[in-house]
Amino acid sequence: MPIKQSAIKELRKTKKRTSRNRSTKSNIKDALKKVTKALQSKNIEAARAAAIEAVKILDKAAARHVIHHNKAARKKSRVFAAIKKAGA
């Protein structure tokens, strides 16, 4: 355990940030799972709607530096590529 006051405060901040980042990453996974389930059930319209929601979550996470912006771009690209492939 930290002894100095500044180290104690940093520990508090780290715990808060870790919790926030963990919930954001969980939301990303849930949104991407929704897209995958919609694609598996051959429901293209539902997949598109879920993809728009997933993109919104990914962009927010990248803007807040929870994930790298290239990772967000990669995931968005793969989602839309899968929708395009399923629609063809």
C-alpha atoms as a PDB file:
ATOM      1  CA  MET A   1       0.000   0.000   0.000  1.00  0.00           C
ATOM      2  CA  PRO A   2       1.200   3.510  -0.762  1.00  0.00           C
ATOM      3  CA  ILE A   3       2.319   5.699   2.088  1.00  0.00           C
ATOM      4  CA  LYS A   4       2.673   9.162   0.553  1.00  0.00           C
ATOM      5  CA  GLN A   5      -0.488  11.194   0.077  1.00  0.00           C
ATOM      6  CA  SER A   6       0.132  11.688  -3.642  1.00  0.00           C
ATOM      7  CA  ALA A   7       0.583   7.934  -4.128  1.00  0.00           C
ATOM      8  CA  ILE A   8      -2.666   7.278  -2.258  1.00  0.00           C
ATOM      9  CA  LYS A   9      -4.488   9.716  -4.534  1.00  0.00           C
ATOM     10  CA  GLU A  10      -2.940   8.138  -7.647  1.00  0.00           C
ATOM     11  CA  LEU A  11      -4.153   4.729  -6.486  1.00  0.00           C
ATOM     12  CA  ARG A  12      -7.703   6.107  -6.106  1.00  0.00           C
ATOM     13  CA  LYS A  13      -7.538   7.602  -9.601  1.00  0.00           C
ATOM     14  CA  THR A  14      -6.181   4.392 -11.086  1.00  0.00           C
ATOM     15  CA  LYS A  15      -8.977   2.325  -9.562  1.00  0.00           C
ATOM     16  CA  LYS A  16     -11.603   4.719 -10.903  1.00  0.00           C
ATOM     17  CA  ARG A  17     -10.066   4.766 -14.394  1.00  0.00           C
ATOM     18  CA  THR A  18      -9.657   0.994 -14.456  1.00  0.00           C
ATOM     19  CA  SER A  19     -13.304   0.536 -13.565  1.00  0.00           C
ATOM     20  CA  ARG A  20     -14.431   2.993 -16.244  1.00  0.00           C
ATOM     21  CA  ASN A  21     -12.198   1.455 -18.912  1.00  0.00           C
ATOM     22  CA  ARG A  22     -13.327  -2.051 -18.027  1.00  0.00           C
ATOM     23  CA  SER A  23     -16.998  -1.129 -18.400  1.00  0.00           C
ATOM     24  CA  THR A  24     -16.328   0.613 -21.726  1.00  0.00           C
ATOM     25  CA  LYS A  25     -14.487  -2.420 -23.076  1.00  0.00           C
ATOM     26  CA  SER A  26     -17.345  -4.617 -21.916  1.00  0.00           C
ATOM     27  CA  ASN A  27     -19.815  -2.389 -23.770  1.00  0.00           C
ATOM     28  CA  ILE A  28     -17.700  -2.710 -26.916  1.00  0.00           C
ATOM     29  CA  LYS A  29     -17.724  -6.499 -26.676  1.00  0.00           C
ATOM     30  CA  ASP A  30     -21.486  -6.558 -26.103  1.00  0.00           C
ATOM     31  CA  ALA A  31     -22.130  -4.298 -29.093  1.00  0.00           C
ATOM     32  CA  LEU A  32     -19.953  -6.436 -31.372  1.00  0.00           C
ATOM     33  CA  LYS A  33     -21.674  -9.597 -30.131  1.00  0.00           C
ATOM     34  CA  LYS A  34     -25.049  -8.075 -31.062  1.00  0.00           C
ATOM     35  CA  VAL A  35     -23.806  -7.555 -34.612  1.00  0.00           C
ATOM     36  CA  THR A  36     -22.467 -11.107 -34.784  1.00  0.00           C
ATOM     37  CA  LYS A  37     -25.720 -12.618 -33.503  1.00  0.00           C
ATOM     38  CA  ALA A  38     -27.753 -10.616 -36.004  1.00  0.00           C
ATOM     39  CA  LEU A  39     -25.489 -11.807 -38.810  1.00  0.00           C
ATOM     40  CA  GLN A  40     -25.759 -15.416 -37.665  1.00  0.00           C
ATOM     41  CA  SER A  41     -29.550 -15.187 -37.728  1.00  0.00           C
ATOM     42  CA  LYS A  42     -29.322 -13.716 -41.270  1.00  0.00           C
ATOM     43  CA  ASN A  43     -31.006 -10.491 -40.149  1.00  0.00           C
ATOM     44  CA  ILE A  44     -29.119  -7.879 -42.164  1.00  0.00           C
ATOM     45  CA  GLU A  45     -31.230  -4.885 -41.079  1.00  0.00           C
ATOM     46  CA  ALA A  46     -30.749  -5.690 -37.391  1.00  0.00           C
ATOM     47  CA  ALA A  47     -27.029  -6.169 -38.038  1.00  0.00           C
ATOM     48  CA  ARG A  48     -26.812  -2.731 -39.649  1.00  0.00           C
ATOM     49  CA  ALA A  49     -28.619  -1.105 -36.733  1.00  0.00           C
ATOM     50  CA  ALA A  50     -26.367  -2.897 -34.248  1.00  0.00           C
ATOM     51  CA  ALA A  51     -23.309  -1.914 -36.290  1.00  0.00           C
ATOM     52  CA  ILE A  52     -24.227   1.771 -36.111  1.00  0.00           C
ATOM     53  CA  GLU A  53     -24.511   1.485 -32.327  1.00  0.00           C
ATOM     54  CA  ALA A  54     -21.184  -0.403 -32.168  1.00  0.00           C
ATOM     55  CA  VAL A  55     -19.449   2.271 -34.255  1.00  0.00           C
ATOM     56  CA  LYS A  56     -20.716   4.949 -31.897  1.00  0.00           C
ATOM     57  CA  ILE A  57     -19.337   3.071 -28.883  1.00  0.00           C
ATOM     58  CA  LEU A  58     -16.006   2.368 -30.623  1.00  0.00           C
ATOM     59  CA  ASP A  59     -15.575   6.019 -31.621  1.00  0.00           C
ATOM     60  CA  LYS A  60     -16.276   7.215 -28.084  1.00  0.00           C
ATOM     61  CA  ALA A  61     -13.819   4.704 -26.637  1.00  0.00           C
ATOM     62  CA  ALA A  62     -11.132   5.782 -29.106  1.00  0.00           C
ATOM     63  CA  ALA A  63     -11.772   9.466 -28.382  1.00  0.00           C
ATOM     64  CA  ARG A  64     -11.383   8.830 -24.657  1.00  0.00           C
ATOM     65  CA  HIS A  65      -8.194   6.794 -25.224  1.00  0.00           C
ATOM     66  CA  VAL A  66      -9.686   3.612 -23.823  1.00  0.00           C
ATOM     67  CA  ILE A  67      -8.660   1.842 -27.033  1.00  0.00           C
ATOM     68  CA  HIS A  68      -6.313   2.951 -29.803  1.00  0.00           C
ATOM     69  CA  HIS A  69      -7.956   4.724 -32.729  1.00  0.00           C
ATOM     70  CA  ASN A  70      -6.481   2.219 -35.186  1.00  0.00           C
ATOM     71  CA  LYS A  71      -8.049  -0.632 -33.214  1.00  0.00           C
ATOM     72  CA  ALA A  72     -11.418   1.107 -33.404  1.00  0.00           C
ATOM     73  CA  ALA A  73     -10.988   1.596 -37.149  1.00  0.00           C
ATOM     74  CA  ARG A  74     -10.024  -2.049 -37.621  1.00  0.00           C
ATOM     75  CA  LYS A  75     -13.044  -3.307 -35.704  1.00  0.00           C
ATOM     76  CA  LYS A  76     -15.417  -1.002 -37.590  1.00  0.00           C
ATOM     77  CA  SER A  77     -13.956  -2.118 -40.905  1.00  0.00           C
ATOM     78  CA  ARG A  78     -14.362  -5.789 -40.037  1.00  0.00           C
ATOM     79  CA  VAL A  79     -17.963  -5.284 -38.895  1.00  0.00           C
ATOM     80  CA  PHE A  80     -18.991  -3.581 -42.123  1.00  0.00           C
ATOM     81  CA  ALA A  81     -17.061  -6.084 -44.229  1.00  0.00           C
ATOM     82  CA  ALA A  82     -18.966  -8.921 -42.526  1.00  0.00           C
ATOM     83  CA  ILE A  83     -22.295  -7.151 -43.141  1.00  0.00           C
ATOM     84  CA  LYS A  84     -21.401  -6.569 -46.768  1.00  0.00           C
ATOM     85  CA  LYS A  85     -20.395 -10.209 -47.198  1.00  0.00           C
ATOM     86  CA  ALA A  86     -23.622 -11.429 -45.563  1.00  0.00           C
ATOM     87  CA  GLY A  87     -25.728  -9.129 -47.717  1.00  0.00           C
ATOM     88  CA  ALA A  88     -24.179 -10.346 -50.967  1.00  0.00           C
END
